[in-house]
């Protein structure tokens, strides 16, 4: 009896792999990347949920949603504004992708 497991190579975007349209998948991946960075900064600074909420200008319960990666209620603009309030600059660069369709990504320094 064989216990082999079928493994498929992912596309690099879990949302696309789950069947979301390309447009939605790109947006959700960007939101996840921004949310991850927000959570990393909050954790690094050891802020309480109350302190984080005050700093970001949201309710205490919103911080719990951010930390749980429940980002559906947030726009990309809101997440970028949170990063600005956490003393982060956001730079958008346009780079030719040559022979493929372009992609969006977040690179934290």
PDB file of N, CA and C in Angstrom:
ATOM      1  N   UNK A   1       0.844  -1.187   0.000  1.00  0.00           N
ATOM      2  CA  UNK A   1       0.000   0.000   0.000  1.00  0.00           C
ATOM      3  C   UNK A   1       0.890   1.252   0.000  1.00  0.00           C
ATOM      4  N   UNK A   2       0.649   2.127  -0.929  1.00  0.00           N
ATOM      5  CA  UNK A   2       1.449   3.329  -1.081  1.00  0.00           C
ATOM      6  C   UNK A   2       0.788   4.504  -0.371  1.00  0.00           C
ATOM      7  N   UNK A   3       1.561   5.210   0.412  1.00  0.00           N
ATOM      8  CA  UNK A   3       1.065   6.397   1.112  1.00  0.00           C
ATOM      9  C   UNK A   3       1.637   7.659   0.492  1.00  0.00           C
ATOM     10  N   UNK A   4       1.689   7.701  -0.816  1.00  0.00           N
ATOM     11  CA  UNK A   4       2.252   8.873  -1.476  1.00  0.00           C
ATOM     12  C   UNK A   4       1.278  10.040  -1.399  1.00  0.00           C
ATOM     13  N   UNK A   5       1.856  11.203  -1.302  1.00  0.00           N
ATOM     14  CA  UNK A   5       1.079  12.439  -1.230  1.00  0.00           C
ATOM     15  C   UNK A   5       1.328  13.221  -2.501  1.00  0.00           C
ATOM     16  N   UNK A   6       0.258  13.641  -3.149  1.00  0.00           N
ATOM     17  CA  UNK A   6       0.383  14.423  -4.372  1.00  0.00           C
ATOM     18  C   UNK A   6       0.727  15.864  -3.986  1.00  0.00           C
ATOM     19  N   UNK A   7       1.771  16.376  -4.579  1.00  0.00           N
ATOM     20  CA  UNK A   7       2.223  17.737  -4.297  1.00  0.00           C
ATOM     21  C   UNK A   7       2.179  18.531  -5.592  1.00  0.00           C
ATOM     22  N   UNK A   8       1.580  19.709  -5.522  1.00  0.00           N
ATOM     23  CA  UNK A   8       1.542  20.598  -6.672  1.00  0.00           C
ATOM     24  C   UNK A   8       2.329  21.854  -6.347  1.00  0.00           C
ATOM     25  N   UNK A   9       3.047  22.334  -7.346  1.00  0.00           N
ATOM     26  CA  UNK A   9       3.778  23.584  -7.168  1.00  0.00           C
ATOM     27  C   UNK A   9       2.787  24.740  -7.205  1.00  0.00           C
ATOM     28  N   UNK A  10       2.891  25.635  -6.218  1.00  0.00           N
ATOM     29  CA  UNK A  10       2.006  26.787  -6.158  1.00  0.00           C
ATOM     30  C   UNK A  10       2.428  27.873  -7.136  1.00  0.00           C
ATOM     31  N   UNK A  11       1.538  28.812  -7.341  1.00  0.00           N
ATOM     32  CA  UNK A  11       1.793  29.908  -8.271  1.00  0.00           C
ATOM     33  C   UNK A  11       2.616  31.029  -7.631  1.00  0.00           C
ATOM     34  N   UNK A  12       2.761  30.976  -6.311  1.00  0.00           N
ATOM     35  CA  UNK A  12       3.409  32.072  -5.594  1.00  0.00           C
ATOM     36  C   UNK A  12       2.383  33.011  -4.978  1.00  0.00           C
ATOM     37  N   UNK A  13       1.114  32.776  -5.279  1.00  0.00           N
ATOM     38  CA  UNK A  13       0.023  33.567  -4.705  1.00  0.00           C
ATOM     39  C   UNK A  13      -1.033  32.595  -4.205  1.00  0.00           C
ATOM     40  N   UNK A  14      -1.107  32.431  -2.908  1.00  0.00           N
ATOM     41  CA  UNK A  14      -2.038  31.480  -2.305  1.00  0.00           C
ATOM     42  C   UNK A  14      -3.481  31.780  -2.674  1.00  0.00           C
ATOM     43  N   UNK A  15      -3.811  33.044  -2.846  1.00  0.00           N
ATOM     44  CA  UNK A  15      -5.188  33.410  -3.181  1.00  0.00           C
ATOM     45  C   UNK A  15      -5.547  32.955  -4.599  1.00  0.00           C
ATOM     46  N   UNK A  16      -4.606  33.044  -5.513  1.00  0.00           N
ATOM     47  CA  UNK A  16      -4.827  32.539  -6.873  1.00  0.00           C
ATOM     48  C   UNK A  16      -4.974  31.014  -6.815  1.00  0.00           C
ATOM     49  N   UNK A  17      -4.113  30.379  -6.017  1.00  0.00           N
ATOM     50  CA  UNK A  17      -4.164  28.921  -5.891  1.00  0.00           C
ATOM     51  C   UNK A  17      -5.487  28.451  -5.288  1.00  0.00           C
ATOM     52  N   UNK A  18      -6.110  29.303  -4.480  1.00  0.00           N
ATOM     53  CA  UNK A  18      -7.405  28.963  -3.883  1.00  0.00           C
ATOM     54  C   UNK A  18      -8.580  29.250  -4.810  1.00  0.00           C
ATOM     55  N   UNK A  19      -8.295  29.797  -6.002  1.00  0.00           N
ATOM     56  CA  UNK A  19      -9.337  29.983  -6.996  1.00  0.00           C
ATOM     57  C   UNK A  19      -9.880  31.390  -7.142  1.00  0.00           C
ATOM     58  N   UNK A  20      -9.278  32.364  -6.443  1.00  0.00           N
ATOM     59  CA  UNK A  20      -9.719  33.748  -6.606  1.00  0.00           C
ATOM     60  C   UNK A  20      -9.313  34.238  -7.989  1.00  0.00           C
ATOM     61  N   UNK A  21     -10.052  35.199  -8.515  1.00  0.00           N
ATOM     62  CA  UNK A  21      -9.680  35.795  -9.801  1.00  0.00           C
ATOM     63  C   UNK A  21      -8.319  36.466  -9.657  1.00  0.00           C
ATOM     64  N   UNK A  22      -7.635  36.666 -10.760  1.00  0.00           N
ATOM     65  CA  UNK A  22      -6.303  37.272 -10.709  1.00  0.00           C
ATOM     66  C   UNK A  22      -6.323  38.629 -10.013  1.00  0.00           C
ATOM     67  N   UNK A  23      -7.313  39.441 -10.341  1.00  0.00           N
ATOM     68  CA  UNK A  23      -7.401  40.785  -9.753  1.00  0.00           C
ATOM     69  C   UNK A  23      -7.568  40.714  -8.236  1.00  0.00           C
ATOM     70  N   UNK A  24      -8.481  39.885  -7.777  1.00  0.00           N
ATOM     71  CA  UNK A  24      -8.726  39.744  -6.340  1.00  0.00           C
ATOM     72  C   UNK A  24      -7.513  39.110  -5.664  1.00  0.00           C
ATOM     73  N   UNK A  25      -6.914  38.108  -6.303  1.00  0.00           N
ATOM     74  CA  UNK A  25      -5.757  37.421  -5.730  1.00  0.00           C
ATOM     75  C   UNK A  25      -4.595  38.388  -5.516  1.00  0.00           C
ATOM     76  N   UNK A  26      -4.326  39.241  -6.484  1.00  0.00           N
ATOM     77  CA  UNK A  26      -3.240  40.218  -6.353  1.00  0.00           C
ATOM     78  C   UNK A  26      -3.515  41.182  -5.204  1.00  0.00           C
ATOM     79  N   UNK A  27      -4.736  41.671  -5.142  1.00  0.00           N
ATOM     80  CA  UNK A  27      -5.111  42.617  -4.085  1.00  0.00           C
ATOM     81  C   UNK A  27      -4.999  41.975  -2.706  1.00  0.00           C
ATOM     82  N   UNK A  28      -5.504  40.769  -2.564  1.00  0.00           N
ATOM     83  CA  UNK A  28      -5.475  40.095  -1.262  1.00  0.00           C
ATOM     84  C   UNK A  28      -4.051  39.753  -0.841  1.00  0.00           C
ATOM     85  N   UNK A  29      -3.215  39.390  -1.795  1.00  0.00           N
ATOM     86  CA  UNK A  29      -1.818  39.104  -1.459  1.00  0.00           C
ATOM     87  C   UNK A  29      -1.116  40.374  -0.973  1.00  0.00           C
ATOM     88  N   UNK A  30      -1.345  41.486  -1.635  1.00  0.00           N
ATOM     89  CA  UNK A  30      -0.757  42.752  -1.186  1.00  0.00           C
ATOM     90  C   UNK A  30      -1.240  43.115   0.216  1.00  0.00           C
ATOM     91  N   UNK A  31      -2.529  42.938   0.465  1.00  0.00           N
ATOM     92  CA  UNK A  31      -3.064  43.235   1.791  1.00  0.00           C
ATOM     93  C   UNK A  31      -2.428  42.334   2.844  1.00  0.00           C
ATOM     94  N   UNK A  32      -2.247  41.065   2.521  1.00  0.00           N
ATOM     95  CA  UNK A  32      -1.620  40.136   3.460  1.00  0.00           C
ATOM     96  C   UNK A  32      -0.173  40.541   3.746  1.00  0.00           C
ATOM     97  N   UNK A  33       0.541  40.966   2.714  1.00  0.00           N
ATOM     98  CA  UNK A  33       1.929  41.381   2.902  1.00  0.00           C
ATOM     99  C   UNK A  33       2.013  42.644   3.753  1.00  0.00           C
ATOM    100  N   UNK A  34       1.131  43.612   3.493  1.00  0.00           N
ATOM    101  CA  UNK A  34       1.120  44.839   4.299  1.00  0.00           C
ATOM    102  C   UNK A  34       0.710  44.534   5.733  1.00  0.00           C
ATOM    103  N   UNK A  35      -0.297  43.697   5.902  1.00  0.00           N
ATOM    104  CA  UNK A  35      -0.747  43.311   7.244  1.00  0.00           C
ATOM    105  C   UNK A  35       0.347  42.608   8.027  1.00  0.00           C
ATOM    106  N   UNK A  36       1.100  41.764   7.350  1.00  0.00           N
ATOM    107  CA  UNK A  36       2.217  41.067   7.996  1.00  0.00           C
ATOM    108  C   UNK A  36       3.250  42.062   8.506  1.00  0.00           C
ATOM    109  N   UNK A  37       3.528  43.055   7.703  1.00  0.00           N
ATOM    110  CA  UNK A  37       4.511  44.067   8.104  1.00  0.00           C
ATOM    111  C   UNK A  37       3.991  44.899   9.278  1.00  0.00           C
ATOM    112  N   UNK A  38       2.718  45.257   9.249  1.00  0.00           N
ATOM    113  CA  UNK A  38       2.122  46.005  10.365  1.00  0.00           C
ATOM    114  C   UNK A  38       2.227  45.192  11.640  1.00  0.00           C
ATOM    115  N   UNK A  39       1.841  43.915  11.571  1.00  0.00           N
ATOM    116  CA  UNK A  39       1.892  43.055  12.748  1.00  0.00           C
ATOM    117  C   UNK A  39       3.334  42.899  13.247  1.00  0.00           C
ATOM    118  N   UNK A  40       4.288  42.761  12.335  1.00  0.00           N
ATOM    119  CA  UNK A  40       5.691  42.621  12.726  1.00  0.00           C
ATOM    120  C   UNK A  40       6.165  43.845  13.507  1.00  0.00           C
ATOM    121  N   UNK A  41       5.800  45.024  13.022  1.00  0.00           N
ATOM    122  CA  UNK A  41       6.221  46.263  13.689  1.00  0.00           C
ATOM    123  C   UNK A  41       5.573  46.377  15.061  1.00  0.00           C
ATOM    124  N   UNK A  42       4.273  46.093  15.146  1.00  0.00           N
ATOM    125  CA  UNK A  42       3.583  46.165  16.440  1.00  0.00           C
ATOM    126  C   UNK A  42       4.214  45.208  17.443  1.00  0.00           C
ATOM    127  N   UNK A  43       4.526  44.012  16.993  1.00  0.00           N
ATOM    128  CA  UNK A  43       5.141  43.011  17.861  1.00  0.00           C
ATOM    129  C   UNK A  43       6.543  43.452  18.283  1.00  0.00           C
ATOM    130  N   UNK A  44       7.315  43.955  17.323  1.00  0.00           N
ATOM    131  CA  UNK A  44       8.676  44.416  17.602  1.00  0.00           C
ATOM    132  C   UNK A  44       8.677  45.531  18.640  1.00  0.00           C
ATOM    133  N   UNK A  45       7.688  46.413  18.564  1.00  0.00           N
ATOM    134  CA  UNK A  45       7.606  47.539  19.506  1.00  0.00           C
ATOM    135  C   UNK A  45       6.953  47.153  20.830  1.00  0.00           C
ATOM    136  N   UNK A  46       6.443  45.946  20.909  1.00  0.00           N
ATOM    137  CA  UNK A  46       5.811  45.419  22.127  1.00  0.00           C
ATOM    138  C   UNK A  46       4.687  46.329  22.621  1.00  0.00           C
ATOM    139  N   UNK A  47       3.883  46.801  21.672  1.00  0.00           N
ATOM    140  CA  UNK A  47       2.754  47.665  22.025  1.00  0.00           C
ATOM    141  C   UNK A  47       1.575  46.822  22.487  1.00  0.00           C
ATOM    142  N   UNK A  48       0.863  47.324  23.482  1.00  0.00           N
ATOM    143  CA  UNK A  48      -0.382  46.670  23.868  1.00  0.00           C
ATOM    144  C   UNK A  48      -1.404  46.942  22.777  1.00  0.00           C
ATOM    145  N   UNK A  49      -2.508  46.196  22.785  1.00  0.00           N
ATOM    146  CA  UNK A  49      -3.550  46.451  21.790  1.00  0.00           C
ATOM    147  C   UNK A  49      -4.097  47.866  21.934  1.00  0.00           C
ATOM    148  N   UNK A  50      -4.224  48.341  23.155  1.00  0.00           N
ATOM    149  CA  UNK A  50      -4.706  49.701  23.386  1.00  0.00           C
ATOM    150  C   UNK A  50      -3.758  50.753  22.833  1.00  0.00           C
ATOM    151  N   UNK A  51      -2.470  50.565  23.064  1.00  0.00           N
ATOM    152  CA  UNK A  51      -1.469  51.503  22.553  1.00  0.00           C
ATOM    153  C   UNK A  51      -1.448  51.485  21.025  1.00  0.00           C
ATOM    154  N   UNK A  52      -1.519  50.297  20.460  1.00  0.00           N
ATOM    155  CA  UNK A  52      -1.515  50.165  19.003  1.00  0.00           C
ATOM    156  C   UNK A  52      -2.755  50.815  18.402  1.00  0.00           C
ATOM    157  N   UNK A  53      -3.907  50.598  19.026  1.00  0.00           N
ATOM    158  CA  UNK A  53      -5.160  51.182  18.533  1.00  0.00           C
ATOM    159  C   UNK A  53      -5.082  52.705  18.538  1.00  0.00           C
ATOM    160  N   UNK A  54      -4.564  53.256  19.607  1.00  0.00           N
ATOM    161  CA  UNK A  54      -4.447  54.719  19.702  1.00  0.00           C
ATOM    162  C   UNK A  54      -3.499  55.249  18.626  1.00  0.00           C
ATOM    163  N   UNK A  55      -2.376  54.575  18.441  1.00  0.00           N
ATOM    164  CA  UNK A  55      -1.385  54.997  17.457  1.00  0.00           C
ATOM    165  C   UNK A  55      -1.938  54.933  16.038  1.00  0.00           C
ATOM    166  N   UNK A  56      -2.689  53.876  15.728  1.00  0.00           N
ATOM    167  CA  UNK A  56      -3.222  53.700  14.380  1.00  0.00           C
ATOM    168  C   UNK A  56      -4.554  54.408  14.160  1.00  0.00           C
ATOM    169  N   UNK A  57      -5.170  54.901  15.245  1.00  0.00           N
ATOM    170  CA  UNK A  57      -6.436  55.614  15.111  1.00  0.00           C
ATOM    171  C   UNK A  57      -7.616  54.696  14.848  1.00  0.00           C
ATOM    172  N   UNK A  58      -7.588  53.509  15.462  1.00  0.00           N
ATOM    173  CA  UNK A  58      -8.667  52.535  15.292  1.00  0.00           C
ATOM    174  C   UNK A  58      -9.150  52.070  16.656  1.00  0.00           C
ATOM    175  N   UNK A  59     -10.217  51.260  16.649  1.00  0.00           N
ATOM    176  CA  UNK A  59     -10.734  50.693  17.888  1.00  0.00           C
ATOM    177  C   UNK A  59      -9.852  49.535  18.342  1.00  0.00           C
ATOM    178  N   UNK A  60      -9.894  49.274  19.629  1.00  0.00           N
ATOM    179  CA  UNK A  60      -9.132  48.185  20.234  1.00  0.00           C
ATOM    180  C   UNK A  60      -9.411  46.861  19.525  1.00  0.00           C
ATOM    181  N   UNK A  61     -10.667  46.616  19.186  1.00  0.00           N
ATOM    182  CA  UNK A  61     -11.034  45.354  18.528  1.00  0.00           C
ATOM    183  C   UNK A  61     -10.439  45.256  17.119  1.00  0.00           C
ATOM    184  N   UNK A  62     -10.198  46.397  16.485  1.00  0.00           N
ATOM    185  CA  UNK A  62      -9.593  46.382  15.147  1.00  0.00           C
ATOM    186  C   UNK A  62      -8.169  45.833  15.190  1.00  0.00           C
ATOM    187  N   UNK A  63      -7.459  46.062  16.271  1.00  0.00           N
ATOM    188  CA  UNK A  63      -6.095  45.553  16.404  1.00  0.00           C
ATOM    189  C   UNK A  63      -6.120  44.035  16.466  1.00  0.00           C
ATOM    190  N   UNK A  64      -7.096  43.491  17.166  1.00  0.00           N
ATOM    191  CA  UNK A  64      -7.242  42.036  17.229  1.00  0.00           C
ATOM    192  C   UNK A  64      -7.470  41.461  15.830  1.00  0.00           C
ATOM    193  N   UNK A  65      -8.287  42.138  15.025  1.00  0.00           N
ATOM    194  CA  UNK A  65      -8.534  41.692  13.647  1.00  0.00           C
ATOM    195  C   UNK A  65      -7.250  41.746  12.825  1.00  0.00           C
ATOM    196  N   UNK A  66      -6.475  42.816  12.977  1.00  0.00           N
ATOM    197  CA  UNK A  66      -5.212  42.934  12.256  1.00  0.00           C
ATOM    198  C   UNK A  66      -4.271  41.798  12.641  1.00  0.00           C
ATOM    199  N   UNK A  67      -4.184  41.528  13.934  1.00  0.00           N
ATOM    200  CA  UNK A  67      -3.274  40.491  14.405  1.00  0.00           C
ATOM    201  C   UNK A  67      -3.733  39.099  13.998  1.00  0.00           C
ATOM    202  N   UNK A  68      -5.011  38.954  13.716  1.00  0.00           N
ATOM    203  CA  UNK A  68      -5.547  37.664  13.264  1.00  0.00           C
ATOM    204  C   UNK A  68      -5.587  37.574  11.746  1.00  0.00           C
ATOM    205  N   UNK A  69      -5.017  38.561  11.075  1.00  0.00           N
ATOM    206  CA  UNK A  69      -4.973  38.619   9.603  1.00  0.00           C
ATOM    207  C   UNK A  69      -6.366  38.663   8.990  1.00  0.00           C
ATOM    208  N   UNK A  70      -7.318  39.243   9.677  1.00  0.00           N
ATOM    209  CA  UNK A  70      -8.661  39.451   9.130  1.00  0.00           C
ATOM    210  C   UNK A  70      -8.664  40.826   8.475  1.00  0.00           C
ATOM    211  N   UNK A  71      -8.245  40.862   7.227  1.00  0.00           N
ATOM    212  CA  UNK A  71      -7.995  42.128   6.540  1.00  0.00           C
ATOM    213  C   UNK A  71      -9.075  42.515   5.545  1.00  0.00           C
ATOM    214  N   UNK A  72     -10.147  41.749   5.461  1.00  0.00           N
ATOM    215  CA  UNK A  72     -11.162  42.013   4.443  1.00  0.00           C
ATOM    216  C   UNK A  72     -11.841  43.365   4.619  1.00  0.00           C
ATOM    217  N   UNK A  73     -11.874  43.889   5.828  1.00  0.00           N
ATOM    218  CA  UNK A  73     -12.525  45.181   6.069  1.00  0.00           C
ATOM    219  C   UNK A  73     -11.606  46.371   5.812  1.00  0.00           C
ATOM    220  N   UNK A  74     -10.346  46.104   5.465  1.00  0.00           N
ATOM    221  CA  UNK A  74      -9.383  47.178   5.258  1.00  0.00           C
ATOM    222  C   UNK A  74      -9.022  47.314   3.786  1.00  0.00           C
ATOM    223  N   UNK A  75      -8.888  48.534   3.342  1.00  0.00           N
ATOM    224  CA  UNK A  75      -8.434  48.780   1.970  1.00  0.00           C
ATOM    225  C   UNK A  75      -6.908  48.824   1.973  1.00  0.00           C
ATOM    226  N   UNK A  76      -6.331  48.719   0.795  1.00  0.00           N
ATOM    227  CA  UNK A  76      -4.879  48.870   0.684  1.00  0.00           C
ATOM    228  C   UNK A  76      -4.438  50.234   1.207  1.00  0.00           C
ATOM    229  N   UNK A  77      -5.241  51.261   0.936  1.00  0.00           N
ATOM    230  CA  UNK A  77      -4.912  52.614   1.386  1.00  0.00           C
ATOM    231  C   UNK A  77      -4.893  52.705   2.904  1.00  0.00           C
ATOM    232  N   UNK A  78      -5.854  52.059   3.571  1.00  0.00           N
ATOM    233  CA  UNK A  78      -5.880  52.084   5.037  1.00  0.00           C
ATOM    234  C   UNK A  78      -4.650  51.387   5.609  1.00  0.00           C
ATOM    235  N   UNK A  79      -4.292  50.252   5.043  1.00  0.00           N
ATOM    236  CA  UNK A  79      -3.124  49.526   5.530  1.00  0.00           C
ATOM    237  C   UNK A  79      -1.849  50.339   5.326  1.00  0.00           C
ATOM    238  N   UNK A  80      -1.754  51.035   4.206  1.00  0.00           N
ATOM    239  CA  UNK A  80      -0.592  51.893   3.970  1.00  0.00           C
ATOM    240  C   UNK A  80      -0.580  53.064   4.952  1.00  0.00           C
ATOM    241  N   UNK A  81      -1.746  53.603   5.258  1.00  0.00           N
ATOM    242  CA  UNK A  81      -1.834  54.688   6.239  1.00  0.00           C
ATOM    243  C   UNK A  81      -1.378  54.201   7.615  1.00  0.00           C
ATOM    244  N   UNK A  82      -1.735  52.967   7.983  1.00  0.00           N
ATOM    245  CA  UNK A  82      -1.270  52.393   9.252  1.00  0.00           C
ATOM    246  C   UNK A  82       0.259  52.339   9.265  1.00  0.00           C
ATOM    247  N   UNK A  83       0.855  51.912   8.168  1.00  0.00           N
ATOM    248  CA  UNK A  83       2.316  51.853   8.100  1.00  0.00           C
ATOM    249  C   UNK A  83       2.929  53.246   8.227  1.00  0.00           C
ATOM    250  N   UNK A  84       2.294  54.247   7.630  1.00  0.00           N
ATOM    251  CA  UNK A  84       2.773  55.617   7.782  1.00  0.00           C
ATOM    252  C   UNK A  84       2.731  56.042   9.250  1.00  0.00           C
ATOM    253  N   UNK A  85       1.657  55.677   9.945  1.00  0.00           N
ATOM    254  CA  UNK A  85       1.533  56.026  11.364  1.00  0.00           C
ATOM    255  C   UNK A  85       2.548  55.269  12.220  1.00  0.00           C
ATOM    256  N   UNK A  86       3.085  54.189  11.666  1.00  0.00           N
ATOM    257  CA  UNK A  86       4.131  53.429  12.361  1.00  0.00           C
ATOM    258  C   UNK A  86       5.522  53.878  11.908  1.00  0.00           C
ATOM    259  N   UNK A  87       5.579  55.087  11.366  1.00  0.00           N
ATOM    260  CA  UNK A  87       6.825  55.728  10.941  1.00  0.00           C
ATOM    261  C   UNK A  87       7.502  55.017   9.773  1.00  0.00           C
ATOM    262  N   UNK A  88       6.703  54.493   8.866  1.00  0.00           N
ATOM    263  CA  UNK A  88       7.245  53.850   7.669  1.00  0.00           C
ATOM    264  C   UNK A  88       6.895  54.687   6.446  1.00  0.00           C
ATOM    265  N   UNK A  89       7.870  54.860   5.579  1.00  0.00           N
ATOM    266  CA  UNK A  89       7.621  55.447   4.273  1.00  0.00           C
ATOM    267  C   UNK A  89       7.214  54.315   3.340  1.00  0.00           C
ATOM    268  N   UNK A  90       6.373  54.626   2.393  1.00  0.00           N
ATOM    269  CA  UNK A  90       5.964  53.651   1.390  1.00  0.00           C
ATOM    270  C   UNK A  90       6.383  54.191   0.039  1.00  0.00           C
ATOM    271  N   UNK A  91       7.123  53.385  -0.679  1.00  0.00           N
ATOM    272  CA  UNK A  91       7.634  53.784  -1.977  1.00  0.00           C
ATOM    273  C   UNK A  91       7.053  52.840  -3.033  1.00  0.00           C
ATOM    274  N   UNK A  92       6.486  53.412  -4.065  1.00  0.00           N
ATOM    275  CA  UNK A  92       5.963  52.611  -5.166  1.00  0.00           C
ATOM    276  C   UNK A  92       6.884  52.814  -6.357  1.00  0.00           C
ATOM    277  N   UNK A  93       7.432  51.706  -6.849  1.00  0.00           N
ATOM    278  CA  UNK A  93       8.356  51.767  -7.983  1.00  0.00           C
ATOM    279  C   UNK A  93       7.742  51.031  -9.161  1.00  0.00           C
ATOM    280  N   UNK A  94       7.892  51.585 -10.317  1.00  0.00           N
ATOM    281  CA  UNK A  94       7.425  50.966 -11.548  1.00  0.00           C
ATOM    282  C   UNK A  94       8.651  50.432 -12.278  1.00  0.00           C
ATOM    283  N   UNK A  95       8.687  49.119 -12.512  1.00  0.00           N
ATOM    284  CA  UNK A  95       9.839  48.465 -13.123  1.00  0.00           C
ATOM    285  C   UNK A  95       9.350  47.636 -14.304  1.00  0.00           C
ATOM    286  N   UNK A  96       9.950  47.791 -15.487  1.00  0.00           N
ATOM    287  CA  UNK A  96       9.531  46.960 -16.625  1.00  0.00           C
ATOM    288  C   UNK A  96       9.705  45.470 -16.305  1.00  0.00           C
ATOM    289  N   UNK A  97       8.747  44.658 -16.748  1.00  0.00           N
ATOM    290  CA  UNK A  97       8.815  43.223 -16.466  1.00  0.00           C
ATOM    291  C   UNK A  97       9.232  42.415 -17.685  1.00  0.00           C
ATOM    292  N   UNK A  98       9.626  43.087 -18.733  1.00  0.00           N
ATOM    293  CA  UNK A  98      10.134  42.494 -19.965  1.00  0.00           C
ATOM    294  C   UNK A  98       9.140  41.558 -20.638  1.00  0.00           C
ATOM    295  N   UNK A  99       9.303  40.255 -20.527  1.00  0.00           N
ATOM    296  CA  UNK A  99       8.508  39.330 -21.336  1.00  0.00           C
ATOM    297  C   UNK A  99       7.348  38.677 -20.590  1.00  0.00           C
ATOM    298  N   UNK A 100       6.925  39.247 -19.484  1.00  0.00           N
ATOM    299  CA  UNK A 100       5.798  38.668 -18.751  1.00  0.00           C
ATOM    300  C   UNK A 100       4.901  39.799 -18.243  1.00  0.00           C
ATOM    301  N   UNK A 101       3.702  39.429 -17.843  1.00  0.00           N
ATOM    302  CA  UNK A 101       2.812  40.422 -17.243  1.00  0.00           C
ATOM    303  C   UNK A 101       3.404  40.853 -15.909  1.00  0.00           C
ATOM    304  N   UNK A 102       3.286  42.121 -15.602  1.00  0.00           N
ATOM    305  CA  UNK A 102       3.834  42.644 -14.359  1.00  0.00           C
ATOM    306  C   UNK A 102       3.149  42.068 -13.130  1.00  0.00           C
ATOM    307  N   UNK A 103       3.795  42.213 -11.987  1.00  0.00           N
ATOM    308  CA  UNK A 103       3.232  41.743 -10.728  1.00  0.00           C
ATOM    309  C   UNK A 103       3.441  42.801  -9.657  1.00  0.00           C
ATOM    310  N   UNK A 104       2.712  42.680  -8.581  1.00  0.00           N
ATOM    311  CA  UNK A 104       2.816  43.600  -7.472  1.00  0.00           C
ATOM    312  C   UNK A 104       3.406  42.852  -6.292  1.00  0.00           C
ATOM    313  N   UNK A 105       4.233  43.546  -5.518  1.00  0.00           N
ATOM    314  CA  UNK A 105       4.811  42.895  -4.349  1.00  0.00           C
ATOM    315  C   UNK A 105       5.212  43.931  -3.323  1.00  0.00           C
ATOM    316  N   UNK A 106       5.327  43.484  -2.102  1.00  0.00           N
ATOM    317  CA  UNK A 106       5.785  44.321  -1.007  1.00  0.00           C
ATOM    318  C   UNK A 106       7.166  43.828  -0.600  1.00  0.00           C
ATOM    319  N   UNK A 107       8.116  44.745  -0.527  1.00  0.00           N
ATOM    320  CA  UNK A 107       9.457  44.415  -0.102  1.00  0.00           C
ATOM    321  C   UNK A 107       9.759  45.292   1.110  1.00  0.00           C
ATOM    322  N   UNK A 108       9.881  44.702   2.275  1.00  0.00           N
ATOM    323  CA  UNK A 108      10.183  45.454   3.494  1.00  0.00           C
ATOM    324  C   UNK A 108      11.682  45.484   3.704  1.00  0.00           C
ATOM    325  N   UNK A 109      12.173  46.639   4.045  1.00  0.00           N
ATOM    326  CA  UNK A 109      13.617  46.810   4.273  1.00  0.00           C
ATOM    327  C   UNK A 109      13.883  46.873   5.750  1.00  0.00           C
TER     328      UNK A 109
END
